[in-house]
Amino acid sequence: MAAAAVVERNVYEKASMSIAVSGETDAEADTFLKDKLCEQGLKVIEVYAEWGGRCEPLVPVLKRIQKEAEYAQNCAVVLHCKAESHDLLAEYRGKSMPHFLFYRNGTQVASVAGANMPEIEALLREHAPTSADADVLEENPMWIQRQEEKAAAEAAAQAALMGENE
């Protein structure tokens, strides 16, 4: 029996266009996922239950697609995520089948329930940009929200600092 594909956590694996998203804490994993969705390009989130594990039939399909298309890392990435580790994926907790969520430039454009490889492959090819700069980052709603959160945090820290200095 072949060993399961090993993907180092939070590191891009070019052959399968994949990142196994995890963290020391669920908050760390959630932040990593949200940061990835703030980037340009297609992000396919494979949502799986912790007890069920990743969808292994997906790996050879991704390797074949990558070999044929040679997508750059910021054009198409598959993020493997346990539903239990991400607030964004809470509605998928306890589901027995994997779900695949397709995000392009921070906006969900499609989803697939179950391991329907032909549909997943078709959607990946349809939504992946042909170049890394095909998307306008300033139009990414998740990026905009992240910038607003950072500005608010900086303002709060500045206000706290000013309060200490008085």
C-alpha atoms as a PDB file:
ATOM      1  CA  MET A   1       0.000   0.000   0.000  1.00  0.00           C
ATOM      2  CA  ALA A   2       1.390   3.409  -0.974  1.00  0.00           C
ATOM      3  CA  ALA A   3       2.127   5.899   1.774  1.00  0.00           C
ATOM      4  CA  ALA A   4      -0.045   9.005   1.971  1.00  0.00           C
ATOM      5  CA  ALA A   5       1.429  12.129   0.456  1.00  0.00           C
ATOM      6  CA  VAL A   6       3.249  14.177   3.059  1.00  0.00           C
ATOM      7  CA  VAL A   7       2.924  17.927   2.740  1.00  0.00           C
ATOM      8  CA  GLU A   8       4.837  20.027   5.248  1.00  0.00           C
ATOM      9  CA  ARG A   9       2.514  22.394   7.078  1.00  0.00           C
ATOM     10  CA  ASN A  10       2.140  25.912   5.720  1.00  0.00           C
ATOM     11  CA  VAL A  11       4.774  25.290   3.025  1.00  0.00           C
ATOM     12  CA  TYR A  12       3.937  25.303  -0.692  1.00  0.00           C
ATOM     13  CA  GLU A  13       4.527  21.938  -2.392  1.00  0.00           C
ATOM     14  CA  LYS A  14       4.950  22.743  -6.095  1.00  0.00           C
ATOM     15  CA  ALA A  15       4.287  19.270  -7.555  1.00  0.00           C
ATOM     16  CA  SER A  16       0.755  19.169  -6.119  1.00  0.00           C
ATOM     17  CA  MET A  17       0.169  22.958  -5.895  1.00  0.00           C
ATOM     18  CA  SER A  18      -0.673  22.321  -2.222  1.00  0.00           C
ATOM     19  CA  ILE A  19      -0.312  23.723   1.261  1.00  0.00           C
ATOM     20  CA  ALA A  20      -1.382  21.714   4.319  1.00  0.00           C
ATOM     21  CA  VAL A  21      -2.723  24.518   6.497  1.00  0.00           C
ATOM     22  CA  SER A  22      -2.163  24.041  10.209  1.00  0.00           C
ATOM     23  CA  GLY A  23      -0.710  25.824  13.180  1.00  0.00           C
ATOM     24  CA  GLU A  24       0.402  25.416  16.752  1.00  0.00           C
ATOM     25  CA  THR A  25      -3.073  26.723  17.610  1.00  0.00           C
ATOM     26  CA  ASP A  26      -6.346  26.911  15.706  1.00  0.00           C
ATOM     27  CA  ALA A  27      -6.017  30.711  15.745  1.00  0.00           C
ATOM     28  CA  GLU A  28      -2.628  30.471  14.018  1.00  0.00           C
ATOM     29  CA  ALA A  29      -4.037  28.131  11.344  1.00  0.00           C
ATOM     30  CA  ASP A  30      -7.062  30.392  10.864  1.00  0.00           C
ATOM     31  CA  THR A  31      -4.828  33.454  10.428  1.00  0.00           C
ATOM     32  CA  PHE A  32      -2.673  31.628   7.864  1.00  0.00           C
ATOM     33  CA  LEU A  33      -5.772  30.653   5.847  1.00  0.00           C
ATOM     34  CA  LYS A  34      -7.200  34.185   5.935  1.00  0.00           C
ATOM     35  CA  ASP A  35      -3.830  35.613   4.857  1.00  0.00           C
ATOM     36  CA  LYS A  36      -3.730  33.215   1.889  1.00  0.00           C
ATOM     37  CA  LEU A  37      -7.231  34.288   0.818  1.00  0.00           C
ATOM     38  CA  CYS A  38      -5.981  37.895   0.812  1.00  0.00           C
ATOM     39  CA  GLU A  39      -3.591  37.045  -2.012  1.00  0.00           C
ATOM     40  CA  GLN A  40      -4.199  37.174  -5.751  1.00  0.00           C
ATOM     41  CA  GLY A  41      -5.104  34.097  -7.767  1.00  0.00           C
ATOM     42  CA  LEU A  42      -7.205  30.990  -7.263  1.00  0.00           C
ATOM     43  CA  LYS A  43      -7.273  29.343  -3.856  1.00  0.00           C
ATOM     44  CA  VAL A  44      -9.060  25.997  -3.618  1.00  0.00           C
ATOM     45  CA  ILE A  45      -9.798  25.072  -0.016  1.00  0.00           C
ATOM     46  CA  GLU A  46     -10.201  21.367   0.583  1.00  0.00           C
ATOM     47  CA  VAL A  47     -12.291  21.254   3.771  1.00  0.00           C
ATOM     48  CA  TYR A  48     -12.180  17.945   5.589  1.00  0.00           C
ATOM     49  CA  ALA A  49     -13.170  16.616   8.993  1.00  0.00           C
ATOM     50  CA  GLU A  50     -10.259  15.880  11.297  1.00  0.00           C
ATOM     51  CA  TRP A  51     -11.436  12.307  11.770  1.00  0.00           C
ATOM     52  CA  GLY A  52     -11.829  11.787   8.007  1.00  0.00           C
ATOM     53  CA  GLY A  53      -8.514  13.098   6.709  1.00  0.00           C
ATOM     54  CA  ARG A  54      -7.574  14.653   3.411  1.00  0.00           C
ATOM     55  CA  CYS A  55      -8.945  13.559   0.045  1.00  0.00           C
ATOM     56  CA  GLU A  56      -5.972  11.539  -1.232  1.00  0.00           C
ATOM     57  CA  PRO A  57      -7.438  10.942  -4.762  1.00  0.00           C
ATOM     58  CA  LEU A  58      -7.035  14.691  -5.311  1.00  0.00           C
ATOM     59  CA  VAL A  59      -3.214  14.598  -5.156  1.00  0.00           C
ATOM     60  CA  PRO A  60      -2.547  12.755  -8.471  1.00  0.00           C
ATOM     61  CA  VAL A  61      -5.089  14.995 -10.231  1.00  0.00           C
ATOM     62  CA  LEU A  62      -3.312  18.105  -8.934  1.00  0.00           C
ATOM     63  CA  LYS A  63       0.091  16.750  -9.925  1.00  0.00           C
ATOM     64  CA  ARG A  64      -1.152  16.045 -13.459  1.00  0.00           C
ATOM     65  CA  ILE A  65      -2.728  19.493 -13.794  1.00  0.00           C
ATOM     66  CA  GLN A  66       0.423  21.181 -12.495  1.00  0.00           C
ATOM     67  CA  LYS A  67       2.579  19.189 -14.914  1.00  0.00           C
ATOM     68  CA  GLU A  68       0.356  20.210 -17.845  1.00  0.00           C
ATOM     69  CA  ALA A  69      -0.259  23.852 -16.937  1.00  0.00           C
ATOM     70  CA  GLU A  70       2.774  24.710 -14.755  1.00  0.00           C
ATOM     71  CA  TYR A  71       0.810  27.227 -12.682  1.00  0.00           C
ATOM     72  CA  ALA A  72       2.845  29.721 -10.710  1.00  0.00           C
ATOM     73  CA  GLN A  73       2.300  29.534  -6.946  1.00  0.00           C
ATOM     74  CA  ASN A  74       0.228  32.716  -6.905  1.00  0.00           C
ATOM     75  CA  CYS A  75      -2.001  31.542  -9.789  1.00  0.00           C
ATOM     76  CA  ALA A  76      -3.454  28.389  -8.222  1.00  0.00           C
ATOM     77  CA  VAL A  77      -2.992  26.887  -4.760  1.00  0.00           C
ATOM     78  CA  VAL A  78      -4.902  24.111  -2.993  1.00  0.00           C
ATOM     79  CA  LEU A  79      -5.181  24.669   0.748  1.00  0.00           C
ATOM     80  CA  HIS A  80      -5.920  21.520   2.770  1.00  0.00           C
ATOM     81  CA  CYS A  81      -7.804  22.589   5.917  1.00  0.00           C
ATOM     82  CA  LYS A  82      -9.423  20.781   8.822  1.00  0.00           C
ATOM     83  CA  ALA A  83     -12.863  22.312   9.341  1.00  0.00           C
ATOM     84  CA  GLU A  84     -12.318  22.202  13.105  1.00  0.00           C
ATOM     85  CA  SER A  85      -9.317  24.560  12.896  1.00  0.00           C
ATOM     86  CA  HIS A  86     -10.908  27.503  11.085  1.00  0.00           C
ATOM     87  CA  ASP A  87     -13.728  29.872  12.011  1.00  0.00           C
ATOM     88  CA  LEU A  88     -14.274  30.513   8.300  1.00  0.00           C
ATOM     89  CA  LEU A  89     -15.094  26.816   7.802  1.00  0.00           C
ATOM     90  CA  ALA A  90     -17.347  26.265  10.838  1.00  0.00           C
ATOM     91  CA  GLU A  91     -20.380  25.265   8.748  1.00  0.00           C
ATOM     92  CA  TYR A  92     -18.457  22.234   7.437  1.00  0.00           C
ATOM     93  CA  ARG A  93     -17.618  20.755  10.851  1.00  0.00           C
ATOM     94  CA  GLY A  94     -18.887  17.209  11.322  1.00  0.00           C
ATOM     95  CA  LYS A  95     -19.491  16.626   7.596  1.00  0.00           C
ATOM     96  CA  SER A  96     -18.462  13.198   6.347  1.00  0.00           C
ATOM     97  CA  MET A  97     -17.550  14.238   2.803  1.00  0.00           C
ATOM     98  CA  PRO A  98     -14.909  16.769   1.834  1.00  0.00           C
ATOM     99  CA  HIS A  99     -15.941  20.107   0.363  1.00  0.00           C
ATOM    100  CA  PHE A 100     -13.914  22.134  -2.099  1.00  0.00           C
ATOM    101  CA  LEU A 101     -14.320  25.913  -1.998  1.00  0.00           C
ATOM    102  CA  PHE A 102     -12.956  27.940  -4.911  1.00  0.00           C
ATOM    103  CA  TYR A 103     -11.871  31.525  -4.150  1.00  0.00           C
ATOM    104  CA  ARG A 104     -10.583  33.890  -6.815  1.00  0.00           C
ATOM    105  CA  ASN A 105      -9.076  37.160  -5.606  1.00  0.00           C
ATOM    106  CA  GLY A 106     -10.800  36.763  -2.219  1.00  0.00           C
ATOM    107  CA  THR A 107     -14.305  35.991  -3.526  1.00  0.00           C
ATOM    108  CA  GLN A 108     -15.876  32.533  -3.508  1.00  0.00           C
ATOM    109  CA  VAL A 109     -16.661  31.607  -7.120  1.00  0.00           C
ATOM    110  CA  ALA A 110     -17.637  27.928  -6.806  1.00  0.00           C
ATOM    111  CA  SER A 111     -17.895  24.949  -4.488  1.00  0.00           C
ATOM    112  CA  VAL A 112     -18.028  21.184  -4.841  1.00  0.00           C
ATOM    113  CA  ALA A 113     -19.444  18.779  -2.245  1.00  0.00           C
ATOM    114  CA  GLY A 114     -17.658  15.444  -2.359  1.00  0.00           C
ATOM    115  CA  ALA A 115     -14.674  14.139  -4.287  1.00  0.00           C
ATOM    116  CA  ASN A 116     -15.979  14.833  -7.793  1.00  0.00           C
ATOM    117  CA  MET A 117     -12.574  14.959  -9.502  1.00  0.00           C
ATOM    118  CA  PRO A 118     -13.827  15.863 -13.027  1.00  0.00           C
ATOM    119  CA  GLU A 119     -15.792  18.824 -11.656  1.00  0.00           C
ATOM    120  CA  ILE A 120     -12.916  19.941  -9.408  1.00  0.00           C
ATOM    121  CA  GLU A 121     -10.489  19.759 -12.326  1.00  0.00           C
ATOM    122  CA  ALA A 122     -12.843  21.692 -14.631  1.00  0.00           C
ATOM    123  CA  LEU A 123     -13.381  24.444 -12.050  1.00  0.00           C
ATOM    124  CA  LEU A 124      -9.667  24.689 -11.338  1.00  0.00           C
ATOM    125  CA  ARG A 125      -8.868  25.114 -15.015  1.00  0.00           C
ATOM    126  CA  GLU A 126     -11.766  27.556 -15.496  1.00  0.00           C
ATOM    127  CA  HIS A 127     -10.926  29.862 -12.589  1.00  0.00           C
ATOM    128  CA  ALA A 128      -7.122  29.793 -12.384  1.00  0.00           C
ATOM    129  CA  PRO A 129      -5.619  32.979 -13.826  1.00  0.00           C
ATOM    130  CA  THR A 130      -3.094  32.633 -16.610  1.00  0.00           C
ATOM    131  CA  SER A 131      -0.675  35.080 -15.000  1.00  0.00           C
ATOM    132  CA  ALA A 132       0.188  36.063 -11.452  1.00  0.00           C
ATOM    133  CA  ASP A 133      -0.895  39.680 -11.922  1.00  0.00           C
ATOM    134  CA  ALA A 134      -4.282  38.930 -13.535  1.00  0.00           C
ATOM    135  CA  ASP A 135      -6.146  39.965 -10.361  1.00  0.00           C
ATOM    136  CA  VAL A 136      -6.214  43.426  -8.807  1.00  0.00           C
ATOM    137  CA  LEU A 137      -5.343  43.006  -5.145  1.00  0.00           C
ATOM    138  CA  GLU A 138      -7.105  46.241  -4.174  1.00  0.00           C
ATOM    139  CA  GLU A 139     -10.386  44.652  -5.381  1.00  0.00           C
ATOM    140  CA  ASN A 140      -9.990  41.611  -3.094  1.00  0.00           C
ATOM    141  CA  PRO A 141     -12.638  41.994  -0.336  1.00  0.00           C
ATOM    142  CA  MET A 142     -10.645  39.864   2.111  1.00  0.00           C
ATOM    143  CA  TRP A 143      -7.516  41.946   1.526  1.00  0.00           C
ATOM    144  CA  ILE A 144      -9.527  45.148   2.051  1.00  0.00           C
ATOM    145  CA  GLN A 145     -10.981  43.782   5.300  1.00  0.00           C
ATOM    146  CA  ARG A 146      -7.516  42.707   6.498  1.00  0.00           C
ATOM    147  CA  GLN A 147      -6.127  46.191   5.783  1.00  0.00           C
ATOM    148  CA  GLU A 148      -8.985  47.767   7.753  1.00  0.00           C
ATOM    149  CA  GLU A 149      -8.368  45.383  10.678  1.00  0.00           C
ATOM    150  CA  LYS A 150      -4.648  46.216  10.676  1.00  0.00           C
ATOM    151  CA  ALA A 151      -5.359  49.961  10.582  1.00  0.00           C
ATOM    152  CA  ALA A 152      -7.830  49.648  13.480  1.00  0.00           C
ATOM    153  CA  ALA A 153      -5.324  47.606  15.520  1.00  0.00           C
ATOM    154  CA  GLU A 154      -2.588  50.156  14.853  1.00  0.00           C
ATOM    155  CA  ALA A 155      -4.912  53.013  15.842  1.00  0.00           C
ATOM    156  CA  ALA A 156      -5.880  51.202  19.058  1.00  0.00           C
ATOM    157  CA  ALA A 157      -2.234  50.536  19.893  1.00  0.00           C
ATOM    158  CA  GLN A 158      -1.378  54.171  19.177  1.00  0.00           C
ATOM    159  CA  ALA A 159      -4.259  55.369  21.395  1.00  0.00           C
ATOM    160  CA  ALA A 160      -3.146  53.047  24.200  1.00  0.00           C
ATOM    161  CA  LEU A 161       0.393  54.342  23.883  1.00  0.00           C
ATOM    162  CA  MET A 162      -0.820  57.946  23.991  1.00  0.00           C
ATOM    163  CA  GLY A 163      -2.888  57.140  27.110  1.00  0.00           C
ATOM    164  CA  GLU A 164       0.213  55.719  28.856  1.00  0.00           C
ATOM    165  CA  ASN A 165       2.258  58.827  28.033  1.00  0.00           C
ATOM    166  CA  GLU A 166      -0.205  61.269  29.611  1.00  0.00           C
END
